[in-house]
C-alpha atoms as a PDB file:
ATOM      1  CA  MET A   1     110.761   5.756 169.638  1.00  0.00           C
ATOM      2  CA  HIS A   2     114.466   5.145 169.119  1.00  0.00           C
ATOM      3  CA  SER A   3     114.700   3.071 172.315  1.00  0.00           C
ATOM      4  CA  ASP A   4     112.603   0.296 170.750  1.00  0.00           C
ATOM      5  CA  LEU A   5     114.979   0.105 167.794  1.00  0.00           C
ATOM      6  CA  LEU A   6     117.971  -0.012 170.125  1.00  0.00           C
ATOM      7  CA  ALA A   7     116.415  -2.884 172.055  1.00  0.00           C
ATOM      8  CA  GLN A   8     115.664  -4.807 168.849  1.00  0.00           C
ATOM      9  CA  PHE A   9     119.185  -4.136 167.571  1.00  0.00           C
ATOM     10  CA  GLU A  10     120.652  -5.493 170.805  1.00  0.00           C
ATOM     11  CA  GLU A  11     118.572  -8.682 170.496  1.00  0.00           C
ATOM     12  CA  TYR A  12     119.798  -9.052 166.909  1.00  0.00           C
ATOM     13  CA  LEU A  13     123.447  -8.750 167.991  1.00  0.00           C
ATOM     14  CA  VAL A  14     122.970 -11.267 170.787  1.00  0.00           C
ATOM     15  CA  ALA A  15     121.340 -13.719 168.349  1.00  0.00           C
ATOM     16  CA  MET A  16     124.382 -13.385 166.098  1.00  0.00           C
ATOM     17  CA  GLY A  17     126.536 -14.721 168.929  1.00  0.00           C
ATOM     18  CA  LEU A  18     128.744 -11.668 169.211  1.00  0.00           C
ATOM     19  CA  SER A  19     130.808 -11.130 172.342  1.00  0.00           C
ATOM     20  CA  PRO A  20     129.385  -8.870 175.089  1.00  0.00           C
ATOM     21  CA  VAL A  21     132.175  -6.327 174.514  1.00  0.00           C
ATOM     22  CA  THR A  22     131.411  -6.126 170.777  1.00  0.00           C
ATOM     23  CA  ILE A  23     127.713  -5.698 171.487  1.00  0.00           C
ATOM     24  CA  VAL A  24     128.373  -2.906 173.981  1.00  0.00           C
ATOM     25  CA  ASN A  25     130.565  -1.116 171.426  1.00  0.00           C
ATOM     26  CA  TYR A  26     127.992  -1.399 168.638  1.00  0.00           C
ATOM     27  CA  LEU A  27     125.257  -0.066 170.911  1.00  0.00           C
ATOM     28  CA  ALA A  28     127.440   2.824 172.095  1.00  0.00           C
ATOM     29  CA  ASP A  29     128.233   3.774 168.504  1.00  0.00           C
ATOM     30  CA  LEU A  30     124.564   3.662 167.544  1.00  0.00           C
ATOM     31  CA  ARG A  31     123.613   5.815 170.553  1.00  0.00           C
ATOM     32  CA  SER A  32     126.139   8.421 169.392  1.00  0.00           C
ATOM     33  CA  PHE A  33     124.431   8.548 166.009  1.00  0.00           C
ATOM     34  CA  VAL A  34     120.987   8.665 167.628  1.00  0.00           C
ATOM     35  CA  GLN A  35     122.068  11.696 169.693  1.00  0.00           C
ATOM     36  CA  TRP A  36     123.504  13.417 166.617  1.00  0.00           C
ATOM     37  CA  TRP A  37     120.322  12.616 164.677  1.00  0.00           C
ATOM     38  CA  ALA A  38     118.121  14.087 167.419  1.00  0.00           C
ATOM     39  CA  ASP A  39     120.281  17.227 167.617  1.00  0.00           C
ATOM     40  CA  THR A  40     120.325  17.824 163.857  1.00  0.00           C
ATOM     41  CA  ARG A  41     117.046  16.375 162.594  1.00  0.00           C
ATOM     42  CA  GLY A  42     114.812  16.253 165.636  1.00  0.00           C
ATOM     43  CA  GLU A  43     113.840  13.555 168.093  1.00  0.00           C
ATOM     44  CA  ASN A  44     110.613  12.725 166.268  1.00  0.00           C
ATOM     45  CA  VAL A  45     112.177  12.152 162.837  1.00  0.00           C
ATOM     46  CA  PRO A  46     112.343   8.379 162.143  1.00  0.00           C
ATOM     47  CA  LEU A  47     115.876   7.055 162.399  1.00  0.00           C
ATOM     48  CA  LEU A  48     115.252   4.580 159.582  1.00  0.00           C
ATOM     49  CA  GLY A  49     114.679   7.523 157.259  1.00  0.00           C
ATOM     50  CA  ALA A  50     118.404   8.345 157.304  1.00  0.00           C
ATOM     51  CA  THR A  51     119.979   8.536 153.855  1.00  0.00           C
ATOM     52  CA  ALA A  52     123.540   8.109 152.672  1.00  0.00           C
ATOM     53  CA  ASP A  53     123.851  11.911 152.563  1.00  0.00           C
ATOM     54  CA  ASP A  54     122.761  12.098 156.217  1.00  0.00           C
ATOM     55  CA  ILE A  55     125.458   9.618 157.196  1.00  0.00           C
ATOM     56  CA  ARG A  56     128.041  11.551 155.174  1.00  0.00           C
ATOM     57  CA  ARG A  57     127.054  14.678 157.103  1.00  0.00           C
ATOM     58  CA  TYR A  58     127.494  12.706 160.324  1.00  0.00           C
ATOM     59  CA  ARG A  59     130.924  11.589 159.154  1.00  0.00           C
ATOM     60  CA  ARG A  60     131.891  15.153 158.226  1.00  0.00           C
ATOM     61  CA  ASP A  61     130.763  16.375 161.627  1.00  0.00           C
ATOM     62  CA  MET A  62     132.958  13.782 163.343  1.00  0.00           C
ATOM     63  CA  VAL A  63     135.908  14.872 161.207  1.00  0.00           C
ATOM     64  CA  ARG A  64     135.153  18.491 162.006  1.00  0.00           C
ATOM     65  CA  ARG A  65     135.106  17.760 165.723  1.00  0.00           C
ATOM     66  CA  GLY A  66     138.554  16.184 165.499  1.00  0.00           C
ATOM     67  CA  TRP A  67     137.637  12.523 166.113  1.00  0.00           C
ATOM     68  CA  ALA A  68     140.419  10.069 165.291  1.00  0.00           C
ATOM     69  CA  PRO A  69     139.968   8.291 161.926  1.00  0.00           C
ATOM     70  CA  ALA A  70     139.874   4.894 163.680  1.00  0.00           C
ATOM     71  CA  THR A  71     137.023   6.073 165.912  1.00  0.00           C
ATOM     72  CA  ILE A  72     135.091   7.471 162.955  1.00  0.00           C
ATOM     73  CA  ASN A  73     135.506   4.224 161.021  1.00  0.00           C
ATOM     74  CA  ARG A  74     134.352   2.174 163.996  1.00  0.00           C
ATOM     75  CA  ARG A  75     131.212   4.283 164.278  1.00  0.00           C
ATOM     76  CA  LEU A  76     130.541   3.957 160.562  1.00  0.00           C
ATOM     77  CA  GLN A  77     130.886   0.188 160.922  1.00  0.00           C
ATOM     78  CA  GLY A  78     128.332   0.336 163.718  1.00  0.00           C
ATOM     79  CA  MET A  79     125.979   2.194 161.371  1.00  0.00           C
ATOM     80  CA  ARG A  80     126.408  -0.478 158.683  1.00  0.00           C
ATOM     81  CA  LYS A  81     125.673  -3.188 161.215  1.00  0.00           C
ATOM     82  CA  PHE A  82     122.539  -1.374 162.389  1.00  0.00           C
ATOM     83  CA  PHE A  83     121.146  -0.973 158.889  1.00  0.00           C
ATOM     84  CA  ASP A  84     122.027  -4.600 158.118  1.00  0.00           C
ATOM     85  CA  PHE A  85     119.801  -5.450 161.076  1.00  0.00           C
ATOM     86  CA  ALA A  86     117.029  -3.266 159.612  1.00  0.00           C
ATOM     87  CA  ILE A  87     117.262  -5.101 156.282  1.00  0.00           C
ATOM     88  CA  THR A  88     117.318  -8.534 157.915  1.00  0.00           C
ATOM     89  CA  THR A  89     114.200  -7.748 159.940  1.00  0.00           C
ATOM     90  CA  GLY A  90     112.359  -6.279 156.961  1.00  0.00           C
ATOM     91  CA  LEU A  91     112.415  -2.673 158.146  1.00  0.00           C
ATOM     92  CA  LEU A  92     114.493  -1.441 155.191  1.00  0.00           C
ATOM     93  CA  ALA A  93     115.259  -2.582 151.665  1.00  0.00           C
ATOM     94  CA  ALA A  94     118.777  -1.133 151.364  1.00  0.00           C
ATOM     95  CA  ASN A  95     121.677  -0.113 153.611  1.00  0.00           C
ATOM     96  CA  PRO A  96     122.412   3.654 153.230  1.00  0.00           C
ATOM     97  CA  ALA A  97     125.622   3.337 155.279  1.00  0.00           C
ATOM     98  CA  ALA A  98     127.058   0.931 152.686  1.00  0.00           C
ATOM     99  CA  GLU A  99     127.372   3.885 150.285  1.00  0.00           C
ATOM    100  CA  VAL A 100     129.520   5.914 152.694  1.00  0.00           C
ATOM    101  CA  SER A 101     133.262   5.421 152.443  1.00  0.00           C
ATOM    102  CA  ARG A 102     135.597   4.990 155.390  1.00  0.00           C
ATOM    103  CA  VAL A 103     138.129   7.562 156.481  1.00  0.00           C
ATOM    104  CA  ASP A 104     141.616   6.880 155.177  1.00  0.00           C
ATOM    105  CA  GLU A 105     143.542   6.366 158.415  1.00  0.00           C
ATOM    106  CA  GLN A 106     146.895   6.900 156.710  1.00  0.00           C
ATOM    107  CA  ARG A 107     146.190  10.470 155.668  1.00  0.00           C
ATOM    108  CA  THR A 108     147.044  13.558 157.638  1.00  0.00           C
ATOM    109  CA  ALA A 109     144.303  14.815 159.902  1.00  0.00           C
ATOM    110  CA  PRO A 110     142.394  17.812 158.487  1.00  0.00           C
ATOM    111  CA  SER A 111     143.098  21.369 159.504  1.00  0.00           C
ATOM    112  CA  HIS A 112     141.000  22.564 162.414  1.00  0.00           C
ATOM    113  CA  ILE A 113     137.598  23.889 161.384  1.00  0.00           C
ATOM    114  CA  LEU A 114     135.615  26.008 163.808  1.00  0.00           C
ATOM    115  CA  SER A 115     131.994  25.169 164.529  1.00  0.00           C
ATOM    116  CA  GLN A 116     129.403  27.944 164.647  1.00  0.00           C
ATOM    117  CA  ALA A 117     129.436  27.763 168.440  1.00  0.00           C
ATOM    118  CA  GLU A 118     133.216  28.255 168.471  1.00  0.00           C
ATOM    119  CA  LEU A 119     132.949  31.179 166.052  1.00  0.00           C
ATOM    120  CA  ASP A 120     130.325  32.745 168.321  1.00  0.00           C
ATOM    121  CA  ARG A 121     132.677  32.372 171.299  1.00  0.00           C
ATOM    122  CA  LEU A 122     135.488  34.011 169.337  1.00  0.00           C
ATOM    123  CA  LEU A 123     133.315  36.981 168.405  1.00  0.00           C
ATOM    124  CA  ALA A 124     131.977  37.293 171.951  1.00  0.00           C
ATOM    125  CA  ALA A 125     135.538  37.495 173.291  1.00  0.00           C
ATOM    126  CA  THR A 126     135.935  40.961 171.757  1.00  0.00           C
ATOM    127  CA  ARG A 127     133.364  42.280 174.219  1.00  0.00           C
ATOM    128  CA  GLY A 128     136.044  42.194 176.882  1.00  0.00           C
ATOM    129  CA  SER A 129     137.929  45.049 175.189  1.00  0.00           C
ATOM    130  CA  ASN A 130     137.310  48.722 175.820  1.00  0.00           C
ATOM    131  CA  GLY A 131     135.254  51.191 173.811  1.00  0.00           C
ATOM    132  CA  GLY A 132     136.189  51.823 170.211  1.00  0.00           C
ATOM    133  CA  GLN A 133     138.802  49.082 170.118  1.00  0.00           C
ATOM    134  CA  SER A 134     136.171  46.496 171.014  1.00  0.00           C
ATOM    135  CA  ARG A 135     133.892  47.698 168.218  1.00  0.00           C
ATOM    136  CA  ARG A 136     136.725  47.720 165.701  1.00  0.00           C
ATOM    137  CA  ASP A 137     137.900  44.243 166.630  1.00  0.00           C
ATOM    138  CA  TYR A 138     134.376  42.822 166.591  1.00  0.00           C
ATOM    139  CA  ALA A 139     133.781  44.308 163.131  1.00  0.00           C
ATOM    140  CA  LEU A 140     137.038  43.044 161.632  1.00  0.00           C
ATOM    141  CA  LEU A 141     136.468  39.549 163.031  1.00  0.00           C
ATOM    142  CA  GLN A 142     132.925  39.589 161.641  1.00  0.00           C
ATOM    143  CA  VAL A 143     134.328  40.440 158.208  1.00  0.00           C
ATOM    144  CA  LEU A 144     136.937  37.662 158.377  1.00  0.00           C
ATOM    145  CA  VAL A 145     134.422  35.076 159.579  1.00  0.00           C
ATOM    146  CA  GLU A 146     131.607  35.984 157.179  1.00  0.00           C
ATOM    147  CA  THR A 147     133.576  36.606 153.974  1.00  0.00           C
ATOM    148  CA  GLY A 148     136.695  34.421 154.157  1.00  0.00           C
ATOM    149  CA  ILE A 149     138.904  37.190 152.782  1.00  0.00           C
ATOM    150  CA  LYS A 150     142.657  37.220 153.270  1.00  0.00           C
ATOM    151  CA  VAL A 151     144.171  39.300 156.050  1.00  0.00           C
ATOM    152  CA  GLY A 152     146.045  41.322 153.429  1.00  0.00           C
ATOM    153  CA  GLU A 153     142.766  42.131 151.733  1.00  0.00           C
ATOM    154  CA  LEU A 154     141.170  43.074 155.038  1.00  0.00           C
ATOM    155  CA  VAL A 155     143.803  45.653 155.953  1.00  0.00           C
ATOM    156  CA  ASP A 156     143.681  47.093 152.407  1.00  0.00           C
ATOM    157  CA  LEU A 157     139.949  47.814 152.562  1.00  0.00           C
ATOM    158  CA  ARG A 158     139.132  51.506 152.076  1.00  0.00           C
ATOM    159  CA  LEU A 159     136.061  53.435 153.134  1.00  0.00           C
ATOM    160  CA  GLU A 160     134.926  53.636 149.525  1.00  0.00           C
ATOM    161  CA  ASP A 161     135.063  49.835 149.294  1.00  0.00           C
ATOM    162  CA  VAL A 162     132.215  49.481 151.789  1.00  0.00           C
ATOM    163  CA  GLU A 163     128.512  49.883 151.026  1.00  0.00           C
ATOM    164  CA  LEU A 164     126.099  49.430 153.909  1.00  0.00           C
ATOM    165  CA  SER A 165     122.323  49.388 154.215  1.00  0.00           C
ATOM    166  CA  ALA A 166     119.977  48.288 156.976  1.00  0.00           C
ATOM    167  CA  ASP A 167     119.823  44.635 155.965  1.00  0.00           C
ATOM    168  CA  GLU A 168     122.684  44.019 153.549  1.00  0.00           C
ATOM    169  CA  GLY A 169     125.768  45.481 152.007  1.00  0.00           C
ATOM    170  CA  TYR A 170     128.877  44.619 150.062  1.00  0.00           C
ATOM    171  CA  LEU A 171     132.653  44.906 150.130  1.00  0.00           C
ATOM    172  CA  LEU A 172     134.864  45.519 147.123  1.00  0.00           C
ATOM    173  CA  VAL A 173     137.915  43.382 147.779  1.00  0.00           C
ATOM    174  CA  GLY A 174     141.232  43.341 145.923  1.00  0.00           C
ATOM    175  CA  ASP A 175     143.067  45.861 143.780  1.00  0.00           C
ATOM    176  CA  SER A 176     141.933  44.838 140.301  1.00  0.00           C
ATOM    177  CA  LEU A 177     140.129  42.128 138.370  1.00  0.00           C
ATOM    178  CA  ALA A 178     143.513  40.714 137.399  1.00  0.00           C
ATOM    179  CA  THR A 179     144.405  40.240 141.057  1.00  0.00           C
ATOM    180  CA  GLY A 180     141.043  38.858 142.075  1.00  0.00           C
ATOM    181  CA  ARG A 181     138.990  42.008 142.735  1.00  0.00           C
ATOM    182  CA  ARG A 182     135.494  40.912 143.654  1.00  0.00           C
ATOM    183  CA  CYS A 183     132.271  42.122 145.229  1.00  0.00           C
ATOM    184  CA  LEU A 184     131.307  40.242 148.387  1.00  0.00           C
ATOM    185  CA  SER A 185     127.831  40.439 149.908  1.00  0.00           C
ATOM    186  CA  ILE A 186     127.610  40.927 153.655  1.00  0.00           C
ATOM    187  CA  GLY A 187     124.625  40.291 155.894  1.00  0.00           C
ATOM    188  CA  PRO A 188     122.888  42.418 158.508  1.00  0.00           C
ATOM    189  CA  GLU A 189     125.137  41.377 161.419  1.00  0.00           C
ATOM    190  CA  VAL A 190     128.299  42.401 159.562  1.00  0.00           C
ATOM    191  CA  CYS A 191     126.661  45.645 158.388  1.00  0.00           C
ATOM    192  CA  ALA A 192     125.605  46.476 161.949  1.00  0.00           C
ATOM    193  CA  ALA A 193     129.095  45.737 163.285  1.00  0.00           C
ATOM    194  CA  LEU A 194     130.716  47.947 160.647  1.00  0.00           C
ATOM    195  CA  ARG A 195     128.281  50.819 161.240  1.00  0.00           C
ATOM    196  CA  ASP A 196     128.917  50.553 164.975  1.00  0.00           C
ATOM    197  CA  TYR A 197     132.677  50.703 164.393  1.00  0.00           C
ATOM    198  CA  LEU A 198     132.507  53.591 161.916  1.00  0.00           C
ATOM    199  CA  ARG A 199     130.769  55.712 164.547  1.00  0.00           C
ATOM    200  CA  VAL A 200     133.875  55.491 166.743  1.00  0.00           C
ATOM    201  CA  ARG A 201     136.584  55.132 164.064  1.00  0.00           C
ATOM    202  CA  SER A 202     139.683  57.155 164.972  1.00  0.00           C
ATOM    203  CA  PRO A 203     139.811  60.612 163.333  1.00  0.00           C
ATOM    204  CA  ALA A 204     142.334  60.354 160.519  1.00  0.00           C
ATOM    205  CA  PRO A 205     142.254  63.192 157.980  1.00  0.00           C
ATOM    206  CA  GLY A 206     143.390  61.969 154.586  1.00  0.00           C
ATOM    207  CA  VAL A 207     143.499  58.283 155.638  1.00  0.00           C
ATOM    208  CA  THR A 208     140.899  56.234 153.794  1.00  0.00           C
ATOM    209  CA  HIS A 209     141.711  52.757 155.123  1.00  0.00           C
ATOM    210  CA  LEU A 210     138.741  51.180 156.881  1.00  0.00           C
ATOM    211  CA  PHE A 211     140.465  49.660 159.898  1.00  0.00           C
ATOM    212  CA  LEU A 212     142.777  51.932 161.881  1.00  0.00           C
ATOM    213  CA  ASN A 213     144.790  51.734 165.069  1.00  0.00           C
ATOM    214  CA  ARG A 214     144.471  54.180 167.957  1.00  0.00           C
ATOM    215  CA  GLU A 215     146.876  56.585 166.271  1.00  0.00           C
ATOM    216  CA  GLY A 216     144.723  56.732 163.154  1.00  0.00           C
ATOM    217  CA  ARG A 217     147.072  54.622 161.029  1.00  0.00           C
ATOM    218  CA  PRO A 218     146.055  51.559 158.982  1.00  0.00           C
ATOM    219  CA  LEU A 219     146.267  48.232 160.783  1.00  0.00           C
ATOM    220  CA  SER A 220     149.072  45.935 159.721  1.00  0.00           C
ATOM    221  CA  PRO A 221     148.565  42.251 158.825  1.00  0.00           C
ATOM    222  CA  ARG A 222     150.733  41.372 161.818  1.00  0.00           C
ATOM    223  CA  THR A 223     148.363  43.227 164.156  1.00  0.00           C
ATOM    224  CA  VAL A 224     145.320  41.410 162.739  1.00  0.00           C
ATOM    225  CA  HIS A 225     147.015  38.022 163.170  1.00  0.00           C
ATOM    226  CA  ARG A 226     147.864  38.964 166.754  1.00  0.00           C
ATOM    227  CA  LEU A 227     144.293  40.060 167.469  1.00  0.00           C
ATOM    228  CA  VAL A 228     142.853  36.793 166.154  1.00  0.00           C
ATOM    229  CA  SER A 229     145.247  34.770 168.306  1.00  0.00           C
ATOM    230  CA  THR A 230     144.554  36.905 171.390  1.00  0.00           C
ATOM    231  CA  TYR A 231     140.776  36.598 171.127  1.00  0.00           C
ATOM    232  CA  ALA A 232     140.997  32.893 170.341  1.00  0.00           C
ATOM    233  CA  ARG A 233     142.886  32.343 173.587  1.00  0.00           C
ATOM    234  CA  ALA A 234     140.357  34.463 175.462  1.00  0.00           C
ATOM    235  CA  ALA A 235     137.592  32.266 174.009  1.00  0.00           C
ATOM    236  CA  GLY A 236     139.371  29.111 175.147  1.00  0.00           C
ATOM    237  CA  LEU A 237     140.204  28.030 171.593  1.00  0.00           C
ATOM    238  CA  THR A 238     143.541  26.501 170.622  1.00  0.00           C
ATOM    239  CA  GLY A 239     145.296  26.304 167.283  1.00  0.00           C
ATOM    240  CA  VAL A 240     143.211  29.146 165.823  1.00  0.00           C
ATOM    241  CA  SER A 241     144.609  31.699 163.395  1.00  0.00           C
ATOM    242  CA  ALA A 242     143.283  33.916 160.625  1.00  0.00           C
ATOM    243  CA  HIS A 243     143.982  30.951 158.301  1.00  0.00           C
ATOM    244  CA  THR A 244     141.536  28.917 160.385  1.00  0.00           C
ATOM    245  CA  LEU A 245     138.768  31.469 159.853  1.00  0.00           C
ATOM    246  CA  ARG A 246     139.294  31.389 156.085  1.00  0.00           C
ATOM    247  CA  ARG A 247     139.180  27.602 155.959  1.00  0.00           C
ATOM    248  CA  SER A 248     136.135  27.538 158.242  1.00  0.00           C
ATOM    249  CA  PHE A 249     134.326  29.932 155.899  1.00  0.00           C
ATOM    250  CA  ALA A 250     135.088  27.686 152.913  1.00  0.00           C
ATOM    251  CA  TYR A 251     133.978  24.560 154.766  1.00  0.00           C
ATOM    252  CA  ALA A 252     130.695  26.139 155.896  1.00  0.00           C
ATOM    253  CA  ALA A 253     129.903  27.516 152.428  1.00  0.00           C
ATOM    254  CA  ILE A 254     130.361  24.128 150.753  1.00  0.00           C
ATOM    255  CA  GLU A 255     128.506  22.363 153.550  1.00  0.00           C
ATOM    256  CA  GLN A 256     125.548  24.683 152.985  1.00  0.00           C
ATOM    257  CA  GLY A 257     125.368  23.654 149.341  1.00  0.00           C
ATOM    258  CA  GLU A 258     127.486  26.264 147.568  1.00  0.00           C
ATOM    259  CA  ASP A 259     129.165  25.161 144.360  1.00  0.00           C
ATOM    260  CA  PRO A 260     132.918  24.589 144.961  1.00  0.00           C
ATOM    261  CA  GLN A 261     133.855  26.765 141.983  1.00  0.00           C
ATOM    262  CA  ALA A 262     131.707  29.597 143.325  1.00  0.00           C
ATOM    263  CA  VAL A 263     133.378  29.282 146.736  1.00  0.00           C
ATOM    264  CA  ALA A 264     136.786  29.409 145.067  1.00  0.00           C
ATOM    265  CA  ARG A 265     135.789  32.687 143.419  1.00  0.00           C
ATOM    266  CA  LEU A 266     134.618  34.091 146.758  1.00  0.00           C
ATOM    267  CA  LEU A 267     138.028  33.224 148.173  1.00  0.00           C
ATOM    268  CA  GLY A 268     139.753  34.968 145.276  1.00  0.00           C
ATOM    269  CA  LEU A 269     141.147  31.722 143.857  1.00  0.00           C
ATOM    270  CA  ARG A 270     141.242  30.920 140.152  1.00  0.00           C
ATOM    271  CA  SER A 271     140.537  27.224 140.575  1.00  0.00           C
ATOM    272  CA  VAL A 272     139.014  24.926 143.166  1.00  0.00           C
ATOM    273  CA  PRO A 273     141.698  23.605 145.530  1.00  0.00           C
ATOM    274  CA  HIS A 274     142.065  19.864 145.997  1.00  0.00           C
ATOM    275  CA  TYR A 275     140.267  18.330 148.941  1.00  0.00           C
ATOM    276  CA  VAL A 276     142.199  17.583 152.092  1.00  0.00           C
ATOM    277  CA  HIS A 277     140.443  14.313 152.749  1.00  0.00           C
ATOM    278  CA  GLN A 278     137.929  12.115 150.965  1.00  0.00           C
ATOM    279  CA  THR A 279     135.606  12.239 153.955  1.00  0.00           C
ATOM    280  CA  GLU A 280     135.436  16.030 154.054  1.00  0.00           C
ATOM    281  CA  GLU A 281     134.650  16.722 150.434  1.00  0.00           C
ATOM    282  CA  THR A 282     133.368  20.127 151.544  1.00  0.00           C
ATOM    283  CA  LEU A 283     136.674  21.382 152.956  1.00  0.00           C
ATOM    284  CA  LEU A 284     138.919  23.350 150.644  1.00  0.00           C
ATOM    285  CA  ALA A 285     142.509  22.551 151.511  1.00  0.00           C
ATOM    286  CA  GLN A 286     144.332  25.446 149.919  1.00  0.00           C
ATOM    287  CA  SER A 287     142.194  28.343 151.097  1.00  0.00           C
ATOM    288  CA  THR A 288     145.257  30.000 152.635  1.00  0.00           C
ATOM    289  CA  SER A 289     145.288  33.594 153.644  1.00  0.00           C
END
């Protein structure tokens, strides 16, 4: 279905008298969008049904994958040219790509955001550890990934701060309302990971911290940062820290439609941070841990 449109688009470009190199580039850029469209929307969804919001999601995905701003802008230009063709040939009445702004090439590139596949690889890397340590590390990474809490808040969690059921649970995070104490919902995967860890948690009479080392003492923030870095390397990921997991949580929450102010509250922030880049309006820049 898309191949017919590509062939018509090529004929349109040739009729415009564009150079062969320019035509090849436009077609390559359109094929990239077609592949993304098939992967995200399905091969049978009409390409001409794309909206400005769809193209913004495509742009955000390119930013998230680390494409250079110049490359992203070239692909967006290819999209505008394609929809211009659709208007000229009577297939569309308006150009949705015209509503999507370019990436500012002078701004600093955004902080690395992990995709779901990369997060899955990070979590899977804990399976290479032994016994109880593997279960502990998997559980603490699940909490970081799924809640976006700070490392300091993670190591301060106590047993009484955790409520688990079969399908859902919650964590009480922070010392007081004045310092951002909040109740965070957790899903079945996090609950299962925590239950699995609690079954092998080191005996520690009188110690109520949730996450302990082999000697039964509370983990330090430094240890958690080291664990994240170690598992990231094992998963073949570079430039990943606990800060990355917090920013990735914020990005994913906004991308899934959460209100920015609500995400700020989940992060324990009093106000919504400014956006790193106009093209990634869903990425909170100051979600530091």
